[in-house]
Each structure stands twice: as structure tokens, then as C-alpha cells.
Amino acid sequence: MSPIDSRPPCPSCGSEYIVKNGSTHHKKPKFKCKDCGRQFVEFSTQKYI
């Protein structure tokens, strides 16, 4: 996997089955775990979206 296509693991379940899910209003990419359904932003200061 190239660094451009790397996706963070899910912070809830640790799954690597992650898809890009849009972006925040601050232009940070959002991700969604396909196993548990959790949405998250990599390096976010908030706990949940």
C-alpha cells in the first residue's frame, strides 16, 4: 500500500477494513470502519464525530 493510499486502523475495533467517507468542514478526510461502522478523523482532537 502506498503512503498516499494508507488508511489508519479503526480506533474502536482496530480493523484495517477502512473506507474514505468524505471530509470535515476543515477539509480533513473522514474514514469509516466497515466492520463496526465507526466514523473517525485521523489525528482528531475530538473523541467522536
N, C-alpha and C. Protein backbone atom coordinates (compact mmCIF):
# COMPACT_ATOMS: atom_id res chain seq x y z
N MET A 1 0.85 -1.17 0.00
CA MET A 1 0.00 0.00 0.00
C MET A 1 0.89 1.24 0.00
N SER A 2 0.65 2.17 -0.87
CA SER A 2 1.47 3.38 -0.94
C SER A 2 1.09 4.34 0.17
N PRO A 3 1.99 5.25 0.57
CA PRO A 3 1.69 6.21 1.63
C PRO A 3 0.48 7.09 1.31
N ILE A 4 0.25 7.39 0.04
CA ILE A 4 -0.89 8.22 -0.33
C ILE A 4 -2.20 7.47 -0.07
N ASP A 5 -2.19 6.16 -0.25
CA ASP A 5 -3.40 5.36 -0.09
C ASP A 5 -3.52 4.74 1.31
N SER A 6 -2.61 5.07 2.21
CA SER A 6 -2.65 4.44 3.53
C SER A 6 -3.84 4.99 4.33
N ARG A 7 -4.48 4.11 5.04
CA ARG A 7 -5.62 4.49 5.86
C ARG A 7 -5.34 4.04 7.29
N PRO A 8 -5.74 4.84 8.26
CA PRO A 8 -5.49 4.48 9.66
C PRO A 8 -6.39 3.33 10.09
N PRO A 9 -5.95 2.53 11.06
CA PRO A 9 -6.84 1.48 11.59
C PRO A 9 -7.97 2.11 12.40
N CYS A 10 -9.04 1.38 12.56
CA CYS A 10 -10.18 1.86 13.34
C CYS A 10 -9.78 2.04 14.80
N PRO A 11 -10.06 3.21 15.40
CA PRO A 11 -9.71 3.42 16.81
C PRO A 11 -10.58 2.61 17.77
N SER A 12 -11.75 2.14 17.32
CA SER A 12 -12.63 1.36 18.18
C SER A 12 -12.30 -0.12 18.19
N CYS A 13 -12.22 -0.72 16.98
CA CYS A 13 -12.04 -2.17 16.91
C CYS A 13 -10.69 -2.60 16.34
N GLY A 14 -9.91 -1.65 15.81
CA GLY A 14 -8.59 -1.98 15.29
C GLY A 14 -8.59 -2.56 13.89
N SER A 15 -9.76 -2.61 13.25
CA SER A 15 -9.87 -3.19 11.91
C SER A 15 -9.11 -2.37 10.88
N GLU A 16 -8.62 -3.05 9.86
CA GLU A 16 -7.94 -2.40 8.74
C GLU A 16 -8.90 -2.21 7.56
N TYR A 17 -10.16 -2.65 7.71
CA TYR A 17 -11.15 -2.57 6.64
C TYR A 17 -11.82 -1.19 6.70
N ILE A 18 -11.11 -0.18 6.19
CA ILE A 18 -11.49 1.22 6.31
C ILE A 18 -11.74 1.80 4.92
N VAL A 19 -12.76 2.64 4.80
CA VAL A 19 -13.02 3.35 3.55
C VAL A 19 -13.06 4.85 3.82
N LYS A 20 -12.67 5.64 2.83
CA LYS A 20 -12.76 7.08 2.95
C LYS A 20 -14.23 7.46 2.89
N ASN A 21 -14.63 8.41 3.74
CA ASN A 21 -16.05 8.75 3.88
C ASN A 21 -16.23 10.27 3.89
N GLY A 22 -15.77 10.94 2.84
CA GLY A 22 -15.94 12.39 2.75
C GLY A 22 -14.86 13.14 3.50
N SER A 23 -15.18 14.37 3.88
CA SER A 23 -14.23 15.19 4.62
C SER A 23 -14.99 16.12 5.55
N THR A 24 -14.29 16.62 6.57
CA THR A 24 -14.90 17.55 7.52
C THR A 24 -14.97 18.93 6.88
N HIS A 25 -15.62 19.86 7.56
CA HIS A 25 -15.69 21.22 7.03
C HIS A 25 -14.33 21.92 7.10
N HIS A 26 -13.38 21.31 7.80
CA HIS A 26 -12.00 21.81 7.84
C HIS A 26 -11.12 21.11 6.81
N LYS A 27 -11.74 20.35 5.91
CA LYS A 27 -11.06 19.66 4.80
C LYS A 27 -10.18 18.50 5.24
N LYS A 28 -10.41 17.95 6.44
CA LYS A 28 -9.69 16.76 6.88
C LYS A 28 -10.48 15.54 6.42
N PRO A 29 -9.80 14.51 5.89
CA PRO A 29 -10.53 13.34 5.40
C PRO A 29 -11.16 12.54 6.54
N LYS A 30 -12.41 12.11 6.32
CA LYS A 30 -13.10 11.25 7.27
C LYS A 30 -13.01 9.82 6.75
N PHE A 31 -13.00 8.88 7.69
CA PHE A 31 -12.94 7.47 7.36
C PHE A 31 -14.07 6.75 8.07
N LYS A 32 -14.46 5.58 7.52
CA LYS A 32 -15.49 4.77 8.14
C LYS A 32 -15.02 3.33 8.19
N CYS A 33 -15.20 2.70 9.34
CA CYS A 33 -14.85 1.29 9.52
C CYS A 33 -15.99 0.44 8.97
N LYS A 34 -15.65 -0.49 8.09
CA LYS A 34 -16.67 -1.36 7.51
C LYS A 34 -17.05 -2.51 8.45
N ASP A 35 -16.27 -2.73 9.50
CA ASP A 35 -16.61 -3.80 10.45
C ASP A 35 -17.56 -3.30 11.54
N CYS A 36 -17.23 -2.18 12.20
CA CYS A 36 -18.07 -1.71 13.31
C CYS A 36 -18.90 -0.47 12.97
N GLY A 37 -18.63 0.17 11.82
CA GLY A 37 -19.43 1.32 11.40
C GLY A 37 -18.98 2.65 11.96
N ARG A 38 -17.95 2.67 12.77
CA ARG A 38 -17.46 3.90 13.38
C ARG A 38 -16.89 4.84 12.33
N GLN A 39 -17.23 6.13 12.43
CA GLN A 39 -16.64 7.17 11.59
C GLN A 39 -15.60 7.90 12.42
N PHE A 40 -14.48 8.26 11.79
CA PHE A 40 -13.44 8.96 12.53
C PHE A 40 -12.56 9.76 11.60
N VAL A 41 -11.82 10.70 12.22
CA VAL A 41 -10.83 11.52 11.52
C VAL A 41 -9.48 11.16 12.13
N GLU A 42 -8.51 10.87 11.28
CA GLU A 42 -7.17 10.55 11.77
C GLU A 42 -6.59 11.76 12.49
N PHE A 43 -5.97 11.55 13.62
CA PHE A 43 -5.34 12.59 14.44
C PHE A 43 -6.34 13.63 14.93
N SER A 44 -7.57 13.23 15.16
CA SER A 44 -8.60 14.16 15.64
C SER A 44 -8.39 14.47 17.12
N THR A 45 -8.73 15.70 17.51
CA THR A 45 -8.67 16.07 18.93
C THR A 45 -9.98 15.72 19.62
N GLN A 46 -11.05 15.49 18.84
CA GLN A 46 -12.33 15.09 19.40
C GLN A 46 -12.41 13.58 19.45
N LYS A 47 -13.18 13.06 20.42
CA LYS A 47 -13.26 11.62 20.57
C LYS A 47 -14.16 10.98 19.51
N TYR A 48 -15.29 11.61 19.18
CA TYR A 48 -16.24 11.04 18.21
C TYR A 48 -16.67 12.10 17.21
N ILE A 49 -17.09 11.65 16.04
CA ILE A 49 -17.66 12.56 15.03
C ILE A 49 -19.16 12.54 15.21
